[in-house]
């Protein structure tokens, strides 16, 4: 989605490969916009990994994009990169609110990452900010692991660990999984050197 608007409009969009919203080098054209809104019926986004390549199943979000997202389900089998390779001074526009759920699923054979090079409003360091986040990786091996090793991750709603392994340790220190809401676990695990914390009241 390099310009114009993609509205899920209550339907399901399945992408086999990767989905890019926005431009690495912002243009002066129409703002790229992704809508998954209650007023439009929400919707489901599936980003599938047909192979184990680094880009397979990955969602890329660049700073010139705009989001109208307050509901719906996004299932991503690969990584989630927000403002990748962009200066931290670029706007953070990956704004998910309401009841929206981002679910990291599947097993593409290699570990996936989730992180941001951008700084959301109210934060002082690079942080991936999501509403509700679920880790539900399948199988075993590297493909069952989610590495939160690019930035802190803040979950405004509920973080659910259903299956798979969550790791925040970079090998030379750790980022933090910051929970502003609830924590629900029914399976899965964290690596022994991962960091997590509850924020707020």
C-alpha atoms as a PDB file:
ATOM      1  CA  UNK A   1       0.000   0.000   0.000  1.00  0.00           C
ATOM      2  CA  UNK A   2       2.142   2.855  -1.294  1.00  0.00           C
ATOM      3  CA  UNK A   3      -0.655   5.399  -1.673  1.00  0.00           C
ATOM      4  CA  UNK A   4      -4.404   5.478  -1.421  1.00  0.00           C
ATOM      5  CA  UNK A   5      -6.537   3.527   1.046  1.00  0.00           C
ATOM      6  CA  UNK A   6      -6.947  -0.154   1.850  1.00  0.00           C
ATOM      7  CA  UNK A   7     -10.136  -0.746   3.862  1.00  0.00           C
ATOM      8  CA  UNK A   8     -10.706  -4.293   5.130  1.00  0.00           C
ATOM      9  CA  UNK A   9     -14.396  -3.352   5.347  1.00  0.00           C
ATOM     10  CA  UNK A  10     -15.403  -6.375   7.423  1.00  0.00           C
ATOM     11  CA  UNK A  11     -13.740  -8.870   5.109  1.00  0.00           C
ATOM     12  CA  UNK A  12     -10.611 -11.025   5.178  1.00  0.00           C
ATOM     13  CA  UNK A  13      -7.432 -10.165   3.298  1.00  0.00           C
ATOM     14  CA  UNK A  14      -4.852 -12.947   2.956  1.00  0.00           C
ATOM     15  CA  UNK A  15      -1.335 -12.027   1.850  1.00  0.00           C
ATOM     16  CA  UNK A  16       1.162 -14.789   1.030  1.00  0.00           C
ATOM     17  CA  UNK A  17       4.559 -13.180   1.314  1.00  0.00           C
ATOM     18  CA  UNK A  18       4.777  -9.773   2.973  1.00  0.00           C
ATOM     19  CA  UNK A  19       2.652  -6.674   3.389  1.00  0.00           C
ATOM     20  CA  UNK A  20       4.173  -3.207   3.227  1.00  0.00           C
ATOM     21  CA  UNK A  21       2.189  -0.129   4.247  1.00  0.00           C
ATOM     22  CA  UNK A  22       3.886   3.166   3.433  1.00  0.00           C
ATOM     23  CA  UNK A  23       7.122   4.106   1.711  1.00  0.00           C
ATOM     24  CA  UNK A  24      10.729   3.857   2.948  1.00  0.00           C
ATOM     25  CA  UNK A  25      11.197   7.286   1.391  1.00  0.00           C
ATOM     26  CA  UNK A  26       8.008   9.301   2.052  1.00  0.00           C
ATOM     27  CA  UNK A  27       6.411  10.744  -1.073  1.00  0.00           C
ATOM     28  CA  UNK A  28       4.204  13.768  -1.644  1.00  0.00           C
ATOM     29  CA  UNK A  29       1.321  11.723  -3.004  1.00  0.00           C
ATOM     30  CA  UNK A  30      -1.795  10.453  -1.263  1.00  0.00           C
ATOM     31  CA  UNK A  31      -1.156   9.231   2.286  1.00  0.00           C
ATOM     32  CA  UNK A  32      -1.104   5.408   2.379  1.00  0.00           C
ATOM     33  CA  UNK A  33      -3.892   4.398   4.776  1.00  0.00           C
ATOM     34  CA  UNK A  34      -5.010   1.086   6.240  1.00  0.00           C
ATOM     35  CA  UNK A  35      -8.507   0.981   7.744  1.00  0.00           C
ATOM     36  CA  UNK A  36      -9.767  -1.732  10.073  1.00  0.00           C
ATOM     37  CA  UNK A  37     -12.422   0.196  11.925  1.00  0.00           C
ATOM     38  CA  UNK A  38     -15.596  -0.582  13.839  1.00  0.00           C
ATOM     39  CA  UNK A  39     -17.521   1.902  11.724  1.00  0.00           C
ATOM     40  CA  UNK A  40     -16.538  -0.048   8.594  1.00  0.00           C
ATOM     41  CA  UNK A  41     -17.103  -3.549   9.969  1.00  0.00           C
ATOM     42  CA  UNK A  42     -13.532  -4.266  11.117  1.00  0.00           C
ATOM     43  CA  UNK A  43     -11.957  -7.186   9.332  1.00  0.00           C
ATOM     44  CA  UNK A  44      -9.251  -9.842   9.394  1.00  0.00           C
ATOM     45  CA  UNK A  45      -5.748  -9.553   7.988  1.00  0.00           C
ATOM     46  CA  UNK A  46      -3.689 -12.692   7.350  1.00  0.00           C
ATOM     47  CA  UNK A  47       0.004 -12.277   6.478  1.00  0.00           C
ATOM     48  CA  UNK A  48       1.243 -15.784   5.738  1.00  0.00           C
ATOM     49  CA  UNK A  49       4.745 -17.173   5.309  1.00  0.00           C
ATOM     50  CA  UNK A  50       4.869 -19.658   2.411  1.00  0.00           C
ATOM     51  CA  UNK A  51       8.605 -20.165   3.070  1.00  0.00           C
ATOM     52  CA  UNK A  52      11.178 -19.434   5.795  1.00  0.00           C
ATOM     53  CA  UNK A  53      12.816 -16.369   4.232  1.00  0.00           C
ATOM     54  CA  UNK A  54      13.436 -13.290   6.388  1.00  0.00           C
ATOM     55  CA  UNK A  55      10.620 -11.336   4.716  1.00  0.00           C
ATOM     56  CA  UNK A  56       8.080 -14.137   4.495  1.00  0.00           C
ATOM     57  CA  UNK A  57       4.923 -13.417   6.440  1.00  0.00           C
ATOM     58  CA  UNK A  58       6.204  -9.997   7.535  1.00  0.00           C
ATOM     59  CA  UNK A  59       4.296  -6.749   8.088  1.00  0.00           C
ATOM     60  CA  UNK A  60       6.232  -3.552   7.349  1.00  0.00           C
ATOM     61  CA  UNK A  61       4.873  -0.181   8.462  1.00  0.00           C
ATOM     62  CA  UNK A  62       6.544   3.079   7.410  1.00  0.00           C
ATOM     63  CA  UNK A  63       6.160   6.534   8.896  1.00  0.00           C
ATOM     64  CA  UNK A  64       4.232   8.120   6.020  1.00  0.00           C
ATOM     65  CA  UNK A  65       1.352   5.651   6.482  1.00  0.00           C
ATOM     66  CA  UNK A  66      -1.793   6.336   8.491  1.00  0.00           C
ATOM     67  CA  UNK A  67      -3.926   3.894  10.474  1.00  0.00           C
ATOM     68  CA  UNK A  68      -7.622   3.855  11.326  1.00  0.00           C
ATOM     69  CA  UNK A  69      -7.586   0.678  13.396  1.00  0.00           C
ATOM     70  CA  UNK A  70      -9.771   0.113  16.465  1.00  0.00           C
ATOM     71  CA  UNK A  71     -11.011  -3.450  16.008  1.00  0.00           C
ATOM     72  CA  UNK A  72     -10.391  -6.630  14.043  1.00  0.00           C
ATOM     73  CA  UNK A  73      -7.808  -9.403  14.031  1.00  0.00           C
ATOM     74  CA  UNK A  74      -4.405  -9.388  12.349  1.00  0.00           C
ATOM     75  CA  UNK A  75      -2.662 -12.771  12.153  1.00  0.00           C
ATOM     76  CA  UNK A  76       1.002 -12.466  11.189  1.00  0.00           C
ATOM     77  CA  UNK A  77       3.242 -15.507  10.649  1.00  0.00           C
ATOM     78  CA  UNK A  78       6.406 -13.466  10.182  1.00  0.00           C
ATOM     79  CA  UNK A  79       7.871 -10.361  11.786  1.00  0.00           C
ATOM     80  CA  UNK A  80       6.396  -6.937  12.508  1.00  0.00           C
ATOM     81  CA  UNK A  81       8.666  -3.997  11.686  1.00  0.00           C
ATOM     82  CA  UNK A  82       7.504  -0.413  12.352  1.00  0.00           C
ATOM     83  CA  UNK A  83       9.536   2.492  10.919  1.00  0.00           C
ATOM     84  CA  UNK A  84      12.244   0.040   9.808  1.00  0.00           C
ATOM     85  CA  UNK A  85      15.605   1.688   9.076  1.00  0.00           C
ATOM     86  CA  UNK A  86      14.058   5.144   9.499  1.00  0.00           C
ATOM     87  CA  UNK A  87      15.352   7.946  11.761  1.00  0.00           C
ATOM     88  CA  UNK A  88      13.699   7.975  15.194  1.00  0.00           C
ATOM     89  CA  UNK A  89      12.552  11.538  14.445  1.00  0.00           C
ATOM     90  CA  UNK A  90      10.078  10.232  11.871  1.00  0.00           C
ATOM     91  CA  UNK A  91       6.438  10.170  13.056  1.00  0.00           C
ATOM     92  CA  UNK A  92       5.181   7.030  14.776  1.00  0.00           C
ATOM     93  CA  UNK A  93       1.885   6.297  13.002  1.00  0.00           C
ATOM     94  CA  UNK A  94       1.292   2.623  13.861  1.00  0.00           C
ATOM     95  CA  UNK A  95      -1.652   3.405  16.129  1.00  0.00           C
ATOM     96  CA  UNK A  96      -3.846   0.465  17.161  1.00  0.00           C
ATOM     97  CA  UNK A  97      -6.692   1.061  19.619  1.00  0.00           C
ATOM     98  CA  UNK A  98     -10.034  -0.322  20.849  1.00  0.00           C
ATOM     99  CA  UNK A  99     -10.368  -4.108  20.717  1.00  0.00           C
ATOM    100  CA  UNK A 100      -7.808  -4.729  17.974  1.00  0.00           C
ATOM    101  CA  UNK A 101      -5.755  -7.931  18.330  1.00  0.00           C
ATOM    102  CA  UNK A 102      -2.369  -8.636  16.766  1.00  0.00           C
ATOM    103  CA  UNK A 103      -1.693 -12.394  16.861  1.00  0.00           C
ATOM    104  CA  UNK A 104       1.723 -13.842  15.998  1.00  0.00           C
ATOM    105  CA  UNK A 105       1.057 -17.348  14.698  1.00  0.00           C
ATOM    106  CA  UNK A 106       2.419 -20.258  12.713  1.00  0.00           C
ATOM    107  CA  UNK A 107       5.926 -21.635  12.335  1.00  0.00           C
ATOM    108  CA  UNK A 108       7.817 -20.417   9.304  1.00  0.00           C
ATOM    109  CA  UNK A 109      10.922 -22.368  10.336  1.00  0.00           C
ATOM    110  CA  UNK A 110      12.859 -19.330  11.574  1.00  0.00           C
ATOM    111  CA  UNK A 111      12.303 -17.051  14.575  1.00  0.00           C
ATOM    112  CA  UNK A 112      10.341 -13.850  14.026  1.00  0.00           C
ATOM    113  CA  UNK A 113      10.917 -10.360  15.435  1.00  0.00           C
ATOM    114  CA  UNK A 114       8.625  -7.537  16.486  1.00  0.00           C
ATOM    115  CA  UNK A 115       9.876  -4.034  17.105  1.00  0.00           C
ATOM    116  CA  UNK A 116       9.958  -0.385  16.146  1.00  0.00           C
ATOM    117  CA  UNK A 117      12.585   2.185  15.223  1.00  0.00           C
ATOM    118  CA  UNK A 118      10.028   4.921  15.958  1.00  0.00           C
ATOM    119  CA  UNK A 119       9.153   6.619  19.225  1.00  0.00           C
ATOM    120  CA  UNK A 120       5.403   6.860  20.005  1.00  0.00           C
ATOM    121  CA  UNK A 121       3.999   9.978  21.618  1.00  0.00           C
ATOM    122  CA  UNK A 122       4.551   9.851  25.382  1.00  0.00           C
ATOM    123  CA  UNK A 123       7.573   7.553  25.131  1.00  0.00           C
ATOM    124  CA  UNK A 124      11.270   8.466  25.221  1.00  0.00           C
ATOM    125  CA  UNK A 125      12.737   5.423  23.502  1.00  0.00           C
ATOM    126  CA  UNK A 126      11.886   3.317  20.477  1.00  0.00           C
ATOM    127  CA  UNK A 127       8.846   1.219  21.356  1.00  0.00           C
ATOM    128  CA  UNK A 128       6.405  -0.982  19.466  1.00  0.00           C
ATOM    129  CA  UNK A 129       3.005   0.001  20.828  1.00  0.00           C
ATOM    130  CA  UNK A 130       0.081  -2.383  20.263  1.00  0.00           C
ATOM    131  CA  UNK A 131      -3.398  -2.708  21.733  1.00  0.00           C
ATOM    132  CA  UNK A 132      -3.827  -6.454  22.347  1.00  0.00           C
ATOM    133  CA  UNK A 133      -1.055  -8.915  21.517  1.00  0.00           C
ATOM    134  CA  UNK A 134      -1.136 -12.715  21.437  1.00  0.00           C
ATOM    135  CA  UNK A 135       1.786 -15.067  20.843  1.00  0.00           C
ATOM    136  CA  UNK A 136       0.416 -18.351  19.512  1.00  0.00           C
ATOM    137  CA  UNK A 137       3.331 -19.919  17.659  1.00  0.00           C
ATOM    138  CA  UNK A 138       3.090 -23.557  16.645  1.00  0.00           C
ATOM    139  CA  UNK A 139       5.501 -26.467  16.434  1.00  0.00           C
ATOM    140  CA  UNK A 140       9.026 -26.511  17.804  1.00  0.00           C
ATOM    141  CA  UNK A 141      12.469 -25.134  17.072  1.00  0.00           C
ATOM    142  CA  UNK A 142      13.419 -21.614  16.027  1.00  0.00           C
ATOM    143  CA  UNK A 143      10.121 -21.129  14.233  1.00  0.00           C
ATOM    144  CA  UNK A 144       8.228 -21.243  17.507  1.00  0.00           C
ATOM    145  CA  UNK A 145      10.127 -18.248  18.943  1.00  0.00           C
ATOM    146  CA  UNK A 146       9.268 -14.533  18.935  1.00  0.00           C
ATOM    147  CA  UNK A 147      12.256 -12.250  19.508  1.00  0.00           C
ATOM    148  CA  UNK A 148      11.382  -8.865  20.999  1.00  0.00           C
ATOM    149  CA  UNK A 149      14.989  -7.786  20.487  1.00  0.00           C
ATOM    150  CA  UNK A 150      14.684  -4.608  18.410  1.00  0.00           C
ATOM    151  CA  UNK A 151      12.932  -2.287  20.872  1.00  0.00           C
ATOM    152  CA  UNK A 152      10.699  -2.321  23.908  1.00  0.00           C
ATOM    153  CA  UNK A 153       7.153  -3.568  23.263  1.00  0.00           C
ATOM    154  CA  UNK A 154       4.229  -1.973  25.122  1.00  0.00           C
ATOM    155  CA  UNK A 155       0.819  -3.667  25.207  1.00  0.00           C
ATOM    156  CA  UNK A 156      -1.985  -1.250  26.104  1.00  0.00           C
ATOM    157  CA  UNK A 157      -4.634  -3.960  26.515  1.00  0.00           C
ATOM    158  CA  UNK A 158      -4.045  -7.669  27.148  1.00  0.00           C
ATOM    159  CA  UNK A 159      -0.954  -9.742  26.395  1.00  0.00           C
ATOM    160  CA  UNK A 160      -1.797 -13.419  25.848  1.00  0.00           C
ATOM    161  CA  UNK A 161       0.780 -16.199  25.673  1.00  0.00           C
ATOM    162  CA  UNK A 162      -0.890 -19.279  24.215  1.00  0.00           C
ATOM    163  CA  UNK A 163       2.063 -21.191  22.784  1.00  0.00           C
ATOM    164  CA  UNK A 164       5.626 -20.606  21.681  1.00  0.00           C
ATOM    165  CA  UNK A 165       8.634 -18.915  23.256  1.00  0.00           C
ATOM    166  CA  UNK A 166       9.046 -15.188  23.910  1.00  0.00           C
ATOM    167  CA  UNK A 167      12.562 -13.758  24.122  1.00  0.00           C
ATOM    168  CA  UNK A 168      13.586 -10.156  24.892  1.00  0.00           C
ATOM    169  CA  UNK A 169      17.308 -10.852  25.473  1.00  0.00           C
ATOM    170  CA  UNK A 170      19.641  -9.529  22.777  1.00  0.00           C
ATOM    171  CA  UNK A 171      22.678 -11.324  24.172  1.00  0.00           C
ATOM    172  CA  UNK A 172      24.126  -8.074  25.505  1.00  0.00           C
ATOM    173  CA  UNK A 173      21.179  -6.859  27.546  1.00  0.00           C
ATOM    174  CA  UNK A 174      17.427  -7.070  27.173  1.00  0.00           C
ATOM    175  CA  UNK A 175      14.545  -4.966  25.980  1.00  0.00           C
ATOM    176  CA  UNK A 176      11.371  -4.926  28.060  1.00  0.00           C
ATOM    177  CA  UNK A 177       7.877  -6.228  27.374  1.00  0.00           C
ATOM    178  CA  UNK A 178       5.786  -3.539  29.108  1.00  0.00           C
ATOM    179  CA  UNK A 179       2.258  -4.572  30.085  1.00  0.00           C
ATOM    180  CA  UNK A 180      -0.155  -1.701  30.648  1.00  0.00           C
ATOM    181  CA  UNK A 181      -3.106  -4.093  30.965  1.00  0.00           C
ATOM    182  CA  UNK A 182      -3.606  -7.777  31.673  1.00  0.00           C
ATOM    183  CA  UNK A 183      -1.519 -10.911  31.239  1.00  0.00           C
ATOM    184  CA  UNK A 184      -3.143 -14.219  30.231  1.00  0.00           C
ATOM    185  CA  UNK A 185      -1.164 -17.448  29.825  1.00  0.00           C
ATOM    186  CA  UNK A 186      -2.353 -20.888  28.846  1.00  0.00           C
ATOM    187  CA  UNK A 187       0.923 -22.247  27.499  1.00  0.00           C
ATOM    188  CA  UNK A 188       4.255 -21.207  26.074  1.00  0.00           C
ATOM    189  CA  UNK A 189       7.192 -19.719  27.962  1.00  0.00           C
ATOM    190  CA  UNK A 190       9.652 -16.856  28.255  1.00  0.00           C
ATOM    191  CA  UNK A 191      13.394 -17.355  27.984  1.00  0.00           C
ATOM    192  CA  UNK A 192      15.100 -17.193  31.375  1.00  0.00           C
ATOM    193  CA  UNK A 193      16.821 -13.882  30.584  1.00  0.00           C
ATOM    194  CA  UNK A 194      13.775 -12.042  29.222  1.00  0.00           C
ATOM    195  CA  UNK A 195      12.446  -8.895  30.877  1.00  0.00           C
ATOM    196  CA  UNK A 196       8.834  -7.965  31.455  1.00  0.00           C
ATOM    197  CA  UNK A 197       7.112  -5.407  33.634  1.00  0.00           C
ATOM    198  CA  UNK A 198       3.691  -4.098  34.603  1.00  0.00           C
ATOM    199  CA  UNK A 199       3.225  -0.368  34.016  1.00  0.00           C
ATOM    200  CA  UNK A 200       0.635   1.962  35.509  1.00  0.00           C
ATOM    201  CA  UNK A 201      -2.024   1.299  38.123  1.00  0.00           C
END
